[in-house]
Amino acid sequence: MTNNERLDSWKEIAAYLKRGVRTVQRWERLAGLPVRRIPSTRGAVYAFSADLDQWWRIQSANRAAAIPEPQDSPASMPGPARAAARPQAPSPPGIAAPTAASMRVRPFIPQTLGIDPDSPTAHANLAVYFFTLVAMGMVRPDEGMPAARASAQRALELDPSVAEAHAISALVASLYDRDWATAERRFEVALSREPVSSSVRFHYAAWHLSPLGRHTEALTHVKLGLADDPLYLLGRIQLGQELQSLGKSDEGLAELEAVLRLDPRFGPALGLVGREYAMRGRVAEALALAEQTFQAAPRHVNAIGFLAGMLRRTGSRQRADAILSTLDGDSAWARARARAESHVVCLEFDAAIDALEAASAVRDPGVWIVVAGPAGTTIRSMPGWQQLSAQLGLPNGPP
């Protein structure tokens, strides 16, 4: 290859970077990978190898300095929405993040966003966007999940092979409609598209296999996803959680702590390491991490619940109530999940199940952020889990 050869397709660009096509498309969308488009064509792209080399050198320098990677933003998050990496909601390319007061689904129709109505990828990205907003606790499930479904369906009408659209359609089926069998069939279609993207694998592991208690399979898909996209920190978070769910608590915690060493400000790692410390009785360390998690993601429901719980556990009930009050008004539907998180870090698991039942009643997929890792293992062992499991529509009762 010459010093500045032109690469004339996504396939050539992906081969040059030794990554999957979906991965480099996400890098272009979220991290500024220098890909150019040919005017008056439908989706034709090209890039120059010298530009790609320069971009990669900049990314490598960022990683060496432990600067948060751009591709680890919430917009690219496929996995347990477990947590948001940044305090602002993710936005589709070219769209500014809306304020809390204006956060609604209806204004974000494709015409308003300026999305190409004939682009299946754009509609699939929009589906991921809506799902992520709900998972973060920033849009009501009864608004965001139907919007995600509609966007995924439009993508599939334009191109039935778009795997990410099949994946989001599957998640709406299981997490919102409580139809896990349909979700399984839709994921089978998504996983049949070769090569399988890391995004689909992360969605499948975190939001489908893990809730079903199929942690060994989930771990396999997470590892395969990381092989394709090793810089994705949320994938590393998933790896730690699946290890913990398989009883490898110390190994999983070590993986989560390793993510914090890579990026000490990464909200999901702060929250999950802190939760684990709280469960192990390392209260002072957990409180410090709760403060940092809230600072990193002050509008994320689980960050709010984590800090409120640690404040209650250390006697600061008045401030805990004030933190929870940030979910009053339009976000009141999300208080149940925050209370569940709060009860978990206070080791009040019966109360956590009661709160999860309330979150489940509004079809909040964030239930599965709480029911993950060691906390989830404990919750699933409680007498109240069977009733909650039935409410969530899990097949064949609790795993």
Protein backbone atom coordinates (compact mmCIF):
# COMPACT_ATOMS: atom_id res chain seq x y z
CA MET A 1 0.00 0.00 0.00
CA THR A 2 1.33 3.49 -0.86
CA ASN A 3 1.83 6.21 1.73
CA ASN A 4 -1.51 7.83 0.91
CA GLU A 5 -3.64 5.34 -0.93
CA ARG A 6 -7.30 6.06 -1.49
CA LEU A 7 -9.68 3.51 0.09
CA ASP A 8 -12.95 3.40 -1.84
CA SER A 9 -15.45 1.64 0.43
CA TRP A 10 -16.30 0.92 4.04
CA LYS A 11 -14.92 -2.57 3.48
CA GLU A 12 -11.53 -1.25 2.38
CA ILE A 13 -11.43 1.28 5.24
CA ALA A 14 -12.31 -1.43 7.77
CA ALA A 15 -9.68 -3.79 6.33
CA TYR A 16 -7.03 -1.09 6.55
CA LEU A 17 -7.87 -0.44 10.23
CA LYS A 18 -8.25 -4.18 10.90
CA ARG A 19 -11.71 -3.72 12.38
CA GLY A 20 -15.27 -4.63 11.40
CA VAL A 21 -17.27 -2.37 9.10
CA ARG A 22 -19.79 -1.49 11.83
CA THR A 23 -16.98 -0.51 14.18
CA VAL A 24 -15.35 1.92 11.75
CA GLN A 25 -18.74 3.36 10.86
CA ARG A 26 -19.29 4.05 14.56
CA TRP A 27 -15.84 5.60 14.83
CA GLU A 28 -16.68 7.89 11.93
CA ARG A 29 -20.00 8.81 13.51
CA LEU A 30 -18.78 9.42 17.04
CA ALA A 31 -15.02 9.90 17.02
CA GLY A 32 -14.37 11.83 13.84
CA LEU A 33 -12.77 9.08 11.74
CA PRO A 34 -11.85 11.02 8.56
CA VAL A 35 -14.16 9.43 5.99
CA ARG A 36 -15.36 11.44 3.01
CA ARG A 37 -18.54 11.13 0.99
CA ILE A 38 -18.97 11.43 -2.75
CA PRO A 39 -21.57 14.08 -3.67
CA SER A 40 -24.64 13.00 -5.60
CA THR A 41 -24.23 9.37 -4.61
CA ARG A 42 -26.13 7.28 -2.12
CA GLY A 43 -23.79 6.37 0.69
CA ALA A 44 -20.54 6.10 -1.31
CA VAL A 45 -17.52 6.84 0.87
CA TYR A 46 -13.76 7.00 0.58
CA ALA A 47 -10.78 7.82 2.78
CA PHE A 48 -7.04 8.32 2.50
CA SER A 49 -4.70 6.06 4.40
CA ALA A 50 -2.55 8.99 5.58
CA ASP A 51 -5.62 10.65 7.15
CA LEU A 52 -6.53 7.40 8.89
CA ASP A 53 -2.96 7.00 10.17
CA GLN A 54 -2.99 10.52 11.62
CA TRP A 55 -6.39 9.94 13.26
CA TRP A 56 -5.12 6.70 14.81
CA ARG A 57 -2.01 8.42 16.19
CA ILE A 58 -4.22 10.99 17.92
CA GLN A 59 -6.42 8.26 19.40
CA SER A 60 -3.34 6.38 20.61
CA ALA A 61 -2.02 9.51 22.30
CA ASN A 62 -5.36 9.99 24.02
CA ARG A 63 -5.35 6.41 25.28
CA ALA A 64 -1.82 6.76 26.60
CA ALA A 65 -2.87 9.84 28.54
CA ALA A 66 -5.98 8.04 29.85
CA ILE A 67 -8.25 10.58 28.19
CA PRO A 68 -11.80 9.26 27.78
CA GLU A 69 -12.14 7.75 24.33
CA PRO A 70 -14.70 9.47 22.10
CA GLN A 71 -16.19 6.16 21.07
CA ASP A 72 -17.04 5.45 24.70
CA SER A 73 -19.74 8.12 24.74
CA PRO A 74 -23.27 7.11 25.71
CA ALA A 75 -24.42 7.43 22.11
CA SER A 76 -22.52 4.29 21.23
CA MET A 77 -23.59 2.40 24.26
CA PRO A 78 -25.02 -0.97 23.50
CA GLY A 79 -24.66 -2.54 26.82
CA PRO A 80 -26.28 -2.47 30.15
CA ALA A 81 -27.31 0.98 30.04
CA ARG A 82 -26.12 0.06 32.87
CA ALA A 83 -24.72 3.45 33.09
CA ALA A 84 -24.07 6.56 31.15
CA ALA A 85 -20.58 7.68 30.58
CA ARG A 86 -21.36 11.37 30.45
CA PRO A 87 -23.80 13.76 32.14
CA GLN A 88 -25.49 14.83 28.89
CA ALA A 89 -27.82 12.71 26.83
CA PRO A 90 -26.31 11.27 23.67
CA SER A 91 -27.32 12.90 20.42
CA PRO A 92 -27.42 11.63 16.87
CA PRO A 93 -24.68 13.03 14.64
CA GLY A 94 -25.05 16.74 14.11
CA ILE A 95 -27.79 17.19 16.71
CA ALA A 96 -27.20 19.11 19.90
CA ALA A 97 -28.18 17.37 23.12
CA PRO A 98 -31.53 18.71 24.35
CA THR A 99 -32.03 20.22 27.76
CA ALA A 100 -33.86 18.37 30.51
CA ALA A 101 -36.84 20.66 30.14
CA SER A 102 -37.19 19.91 26.41
CA MET A 103 -36.42 16.19 26.63
CA ARG A 104 -39.29 14.53 24.86
CA VAL A 105 -39.59 12.00 22.10
CA ARG A 106 -42.17 13.63 19.89
CA PRO A 107 -39.97 16.56 18.80
CA PHE A 108 -37.24 14.11 17.74
CA ILE A 109 -38.96 12.79 14.66
CA PRO A 110 -36.69 12.20 11.67
CA GLN A 111 -37.93 15.32 9.86
CA THR A 112 -36.95 17.52 12.81
CA LEU A 113 -33.54 15.86 13.10
CA GLY A 114 -32.83 16.27 9.42
CA ILE A 115 -32.14 12.55 9.13
CA ASP A 116 -31.95 11.22 5.61
CA PRO A 117 -35.37 9.54 5.25
CA ASP A 118 -33.87 6.99 2.88
CA SER A 119 -30.95 5.98 5.11
CA PRO A 120 -31.54 2.70 7.00
CA THR A 121 -28.38 3.26 9.04
CA ALA A 122 -29.60 6.67 10.19
CA HIS A 123 -32.91 5.19 11.35
CA ALA A 124 -31.11 2.34 13.11
CA ASN A 125 -28.88 4.86 14.88
CA LEU A 126 -31.97 6.79 15.93
CA ALA A 127 -33.44 3.60 17.39
CA VAL A 128 -30.28 3.10 19.47
CA TYR A 129 -30.49 6.74 20.54
CA PHE A 130 -34.06 6.47 21.83
CA PHE A 131 -33.33 3.22 23.63
CA THR A 132 -30.27 4.77 25.27
CA LEU A 133 -32.27 7.76 26.51
CA VAL A 134 -34.76 5.46 28.20
CA ALA A 135 -31.99 3.34 29.69
CA MET A 136 -30.38 6.46 31.14
CA GLY A 137 -33.68 7.48 32.70
CA MET A 138 -34.03 10.61 30.59
CA VAL A 139 -37.11 9.69 28.54
CA ARG A 140 -40.22 7.87 29.70
CA PRO A 141 -40.39 4.24 28.58
CA ASP A 142 -43.86 4.68 27.12
CA GLU A 143 -42.46 7.40 24.85
CA GLY A 144 -38.92 6.24 24.16
CA MET A 145 -39.45 2.54 23.58
CA PRO A 146 -42.22 2.96 20.95
CA ALA A 147 -40.01 5.58 19.28
CA ALA A 148 -37.11 3.12 19.24
CA ARG A 149 -39.41 0.45 17.78
CA ALA A 150 -40.66 2.80 15.05
CA SER A 151 -37.16 3.87 14.07
CA ALA A 152 -35.93 0.27 13.95
CA GLN A 153 -38.94 -0.76 11.87
CA ARG A 154 -38.33 2.07 9.40
CA ALA A 155 -34.69 0.99 9.06
CA LEU A 156 -35.80 -2.56 8.32
CA GLU A 157 -38.36 -1.42 5.77
CA LEU A 158 -35.52 0.32 3.94
CA ASP A 159 -33.03 -2.51 4.39
CA PRO A 160 -34.06 -5.78 6.07
CA SER A 161 -30.41 -6.69 6.64
CA VAL A 162 -29.57 -3.91 9.15
CA ALA A 163 -28.52 -5.96 12.17
CA GLU A 164 -28.63 -3.10 14.69
CA ALA A 165 -32.27 -2.46 13.82
CA HIS A 166 -33.10 -6.13 14.41
CA ALA A 167 -31.30 -5.90 17.77
CA ILE A 168 -33.20 -2.84 19.00
CA SER A 169 -36.46 -4.32 17.76
CA ALA A 170 -35.63 -7.39 19.84
CA LEU A 171 -34.95 -5.31 22.94
CA VAL A 172 -38.26 -3.49 22.64
CA ALA A 173 -39.99 -6.86 22.33
CA SER A 174 -38.42 -8.30 25.49
CA LEU A 175 -37.91 -5.30 27.76
CA TYR A 176 -41.07 -3.39 26.89
CA ASP A 177 -43.54 -5.90 25.44
CA ARG A 178 -42.26 -8.73 27.70
CA ASP A 179 -42.14 -11.04 24.67
CA TRP A 180 -38.83 -12.81 25.16
CA ALA A 181 -39.51 -15.49 22.54
CA THR A 182 -39.95 -12.89 19.80
CA ALA A 183 -36.82 -11.12 21.02
CA GLU A 184 -34.85 -14.36 20.74
CA ARG A 185 -35.98 -14.84 17.14
CA ARG A 186 -35.07 -11.29 16.21
CA PHE A 187 -31.64 -11.61 17.76
CA GLU A 188 -31.13 -14.82 15.77
CA VAL A 189 -31.63 -12.73 12.63
CA ALA A 190 -29.31 -9.97 13.88
CA LEU A 191 -26.60 -12.50 14.70
CA SER A 192 -26.91 -14.16 11.30
CA ARG A 193 -25.58 -11.06 9.54
CA GLU A 194 -21.88 -11.61 8.91
CA PRO A 195 -19.69 -10.19 10.19
CA VAL A 196 -21.54 -9.81 13.49
CA SER A 197 -20.91 -6.30 14.79
CA SER A 198 -19.63 -5.67 18.29
CA SER A 199 -22.67 -3.44 18.90
CA VAL A 200 -25.08 -6.34 18.30
CA ARG A 201 -23.02 -8.64 20.51
CA PHE A 202 -22.98 -6.13 23.37
CA HIS A 203 -26.72 -5.53 23.12
CA TYR A 204 -27.40 -9.25 23.04
CA ALA A 205 -25.15 -10.02 26.01
CA ALA A 206 -26.19 -7.22 28.32
CA TRP A 207 -29.87 -6.83 27.62
CA HIS A 208 -30.97 -10.34 26.61
CA LEU A 209 -28.64 -13.11 27.74
CA SER A 210 -27.77 -11.58 31.11
CA PRO A 211 -31.40 -10.95 32.16
CA LEU A 212 -32.15 -14.56 31.23
CA GLY A 213 -29.30 -15.73 33.45
CA ARG A 214 -27.32 -17.07 30.46
CA HIS A 215 -24.08 -15.55 31.69
CA THR A 216 -21.67 -18.01 30.09
CA GLU A 217 -23.10 -17.20 26.66
CA ALA A 218 -23.10 -13.51 27.49
CA LEU A 219 -19.43 -13.66 28.45
CA THR A 220 -18.59 -15.32 25.13
CA HIS A 221 -20.31 -12.57 23.13
CA VAL A 222 -18.70 -9.82 25.20
CA LYS A 223 -15.25 -11.27 24.55
CA LEU A 224 -15.97 -11.55 20.83
CA GLY A 225 -17.20 -7.96 20.80
CA LEU A 226 -14.07 -6.75 22.56
CA ALA A 227 -11.89 -8.63 20.09
CA ASP A 228 -13.42 -6.43 17.38
CA ASP A 229 -13.54 -3.24 19.45
CA PRO A 230 -10.97 -3.51 22.28
CA LEU A 231 -11.07 0.21 23.10
CA TYR A 232 -14.74 0.15 24.08
CA LEU A 233 -14.78 0.72 27.83
CA LEU A 234 -18.43 -0.20 28.32
CA GLY A 235 -17.57 -3.58 26.84
CA ARG A 236 -14.91 -3.95 29.52
CA ILE A 237 -17.57 -3.04 32.08
CA GLN A 238 -19.80 -5.80 30.72
CA LEU A 239 -16.92 -8.24 30.92
CA GLY A 240 -16.49 -7.48 34.62
CA GLN A 241 -20.19 -7.81 35.36
CA GLU A 242 -20.55 -11.14 33.58
CA LEU A 243 -17.56 -12.51 35.46
CA GLN A 244 -19.18 -11.42 38.72
CA SER A 245 -22.49 -12.98 37.71
CA LEU A 246 -20.66 -16.26 37.14
CA GLY A 247 -19.36 -16.20 40.72
CA LYS A 248 -15.94 -14.79 39.84
CA SER A 249 -16.48 -11.76 42.04
CA ASP A 250 -12.86 -10.78 42.63
CA GLU A 251 -11.91 -11.28 38.98
CA GLY A 252 -14.86 -9.19 37.86
CA LEU A 253 -14.08 -6.42 40.32
CA ALA A 254 -10.47 -6.38 39.11
CA GLU A 255 -11.74 -5.85 35.56
CA LEU A 256 -13.92 -2.94 36.68
CA GLU A 257 -11.04 -1.40 38.62
CA ALA A 258 -8.84 -1.76 35.53
CA VAL A 259 -11.34 0.37 33.59
CA LEU A 260 -11.06 3.05 36.26
CA ARG A 261 -7.30 3.04 35.86
CA LEU A 262 -7.78 3.63 32.13
CA ASP A 263 -10.25 6.46 32.76
CA PRO A 264 -10.65 7.61 36.40
CA ARG A 265 -13.68 9.72 35.41
CA PHE A 266 -15.65 7.01 33.65
CA GLY A 267 -19.09 7.08 35.26
CA PRO A 268 -20.16 3.44 34.76
CA ALA A 269 -16.94 2.13 36.29
CA LEU A 270 -17.16 4.56 39.19
CA GLY A 271 -20.71 3.46 39.93
CA LEU A 272 -20.19 -0.28 39.65
CA VAL A 273 -16.92 -0.36 41.57
CA GLY A 274 -18.56 1.77 44.22
CA ARG A 275 -21.59 -0.51 44.42
CA GLU A 276 -19.30 -3.49 44.90
CA TYR A 277 -17.38 -1.68 47.64
CA ALA A 278 -20.68 -0.87 49.37
CA MET A 279 -21.72 -4.52 49.29
CA ARG A 280 -18.34 -5.51 50.73
CA GLY A 281 -18.61 -3.04 53.61
CA ARG A 282 -16.03 -0.58 52.28
CA VAL A 283 -18.39 2.28 53.07
CA ALA A 284 -16.03 5.26 53.02
CA GLU A 285 -14.62 4.26 49.65
CA ALA A 286 -18.11 3.62 48.29
CA LEU A 287 -19.31 7.05 49.42
CA ALA A 288 -16.37 8.74 47.73
CA LEU A 289 -17.10 6.89 44.49
CA ALA A 290 -20.81 7.74 44.77
CA GLU A 291 -19.92 11.43 44.88
CA GLN A 292 -17.68 11.03 41.85
CA THR A 293 -20.31 9.05 39.96
CA PHE A 294 -22.92 11.73 40.56
CA GLN A 295 -20.47 14.41 39.49
CA ALA A 296 -19.73 12.50 36.27
CA ALA A 297 -23.40 11.80 35.45
CA PRO A 298 -25.70 13.99 37.60
CA ARG A 299 -28.77 13.20 35.48
CA HIS A 300 -28.32 9.44 35.33
CA VAL A 301 -30.91 7.67 37.44
CA ASN A 302 -28.55 5.06 38.87
CA ALA A 303 -25.96 7.67 39.81
CA ILE A 304 -28.67 9.55 41.69
CA GLY A 305 -29.81 6.41 43.48
CA PHE A 306 -26.26 5.34 44.34
CA LEU A 307 -25.38 8.64 45.98
CA ALA A 308 -28.73 8.86 47.78
CA GLY A 309 -28.22 5.36 49.18
CA MET A 310 -24.70 6.01 50.40
CA LEU A 311 -25.82 9.26 52.01
CA ARG A 312 -28.59 7.40 53.82
CA ARG A 313 -26.17 4.69 54.87
CA THR A 314 -23.83 7.29 56.37
CA GLY A 315 -26.55 9.29 58.11
CA SER A 316 -27.05 12.20 55.68
CA ARG A 317 -30.75 11.61 55.10
CA GLN A 318 -31.64 15.22 54.37
CA ARG A 319 -29.15 15.46 51.51
CA ALA A 320 -30.20 12.02 50.28
CA ASP A 321 -33.80 13.24 50.00
CA ALA A 322 -32.62 16.35 48.19
CA ILE A 323 -30.69 14.24 45.67
CA LEU A 324 -33.74 12.04 45.01
CA SER A 325 -35.91 15.15 44.62
CA THR A 326 -34.04 15.94 41.40
CA LEU A 327 -36.26 13.24 39.87
CA ASP A 328 -39.47 15.04 40.81
CA GLY A 329 -41.82 16.32 38.12
CA ASP A 330 -41.26 14.97 34.63
CA SER A 331 -38.75 12.36 35.82
CA ALA A 332 -40.87 11.01 38.67
CA TRP A 333 -41.36 7.74 36.77
CA ALA A 334 -37.63 7.03 37.25
CA ARG A 335 -37.64 7.37 41.03
CA ALA A 336 -38.45 3.68 41.48
CA ARG A 337 -35.21 2.64 39.80
CA ALA A 338 -33.25 5.20 41.83
CA ARG A 339 -34.81 3.87 45.03
CA ALA A 340 -33.90 0.33 44.04
CA GLU A 341 -30.27 1.35 43.52
CA SER A 342 -30.36 3.18 46.84
CA HIS A 343 -31.65 0.13 48.68
CA VAL A 344 -29.05 -2.15 47.07
CA VAL A 345 -26.09 -0.12 48.33
CA CYS A 346 -27.75 -0.04 51.77
CA LEU A 347 -28.04 -3.86 51.59
CA GLU A 348 -31.84 -3.61 51.84
CA PHE A 349 -32.66 -6.22 49.22
CA ASP A 350 -36.31 -6.85 50.09
CA ALA A 351 -36.96 -3.12 49.74
CA ALA A 352 -34.95 -3.13 46.50
CA ILE A 353 -37.27 -5.77 45.06
CA ASP A 354 -40.32 -3.69 46.02
CA ALA A 355 -38.79 -0.71 44.21
CA LEU A 356 -37.93 -2.86 41.20
CA GLU A 357 -41.54 -4.00 40.99
CA ALA A 358 -42.57 -0.34 40.80
CA ALA A 359 -39.95 0.29 38.10
CA SER A 360 -41.14 -2.78 36.22
CA ALA A 361 -44.71 -1.51 36.37
CA VAL A 362 -43.72 1.47 34.20
CA ARG A 363 -41.71 -0.90 31.95
CA ASP A 364 -38.40 0.71 32.77
CA PRO A 365 -35.62 -1.38 31.14
CA GLY A 366 -33.27 0.10 33.73
CA VAL A 367 -34.46 -2.64 36.07
CA TRP A 368 -31.71 -4.73 34.48
CA ILE A 369 -29.02 -2.21 35.41
CA VAL A 370 -29.81 -2.92 39.04
CA VAL A 371 -30.25 -6.67 38.54
CA ALA A 372 -26.69 -7.23 37.32
CA GLY A 373 -23.48 -8.51 38.85
CA PRO A 374 -23.31 -9.51 42.53
CA ALA A 375 -26.32 -7.34 43.42
CA GLY A 376 -28.38 -9.20 40.85
CA THR A 377 -27.22 -12.55 42.16
CA THR A 378 -28.41 -11.61 45.63
CA ILE A 379 -31.72 -10.21 44.37
CA ARG A 380 -32.42 -13.38 42.39
CA SER A 381 -31.94 -15.42 45.57
CA MET A 382 -34.58 -13.47 47.51
CA PRO A 383 -38.12 -14.82 48.06
CA GLY A 384 -39.64 -11.85 46.22
CA TRP A 385 -37.72 -12.52 43.02
CA GLN A 386 -40.16 -15.09 41.68
CA GLN A 387 -43.01 -12.59 41.64
CA LEU A 388 -40.80 -9.92 40.06
CA SER A 389 -39.56 -12.45 37.51
CA ALA A 390 -43.15 -13.20 36.48
CA GLN A 391 -43.90 -9.49 36.22
CA LEU A 392 -40.91 -9.07 33.92
CA GLY A 393 -42.24 -11.84 31.74
CA LEU A 394 -39.15 -14.03 32.02
CA PRO A 395 -39.73 -17.43 30.44
CA ASN A 396 -39.95 -20.52 32.66
CA GLY A 397 -39.78 -18.53 35.86
CA PRO A 398 -36.59 -17.36 37.53
CA PRO A 399 -33.29 -18.73 36.20
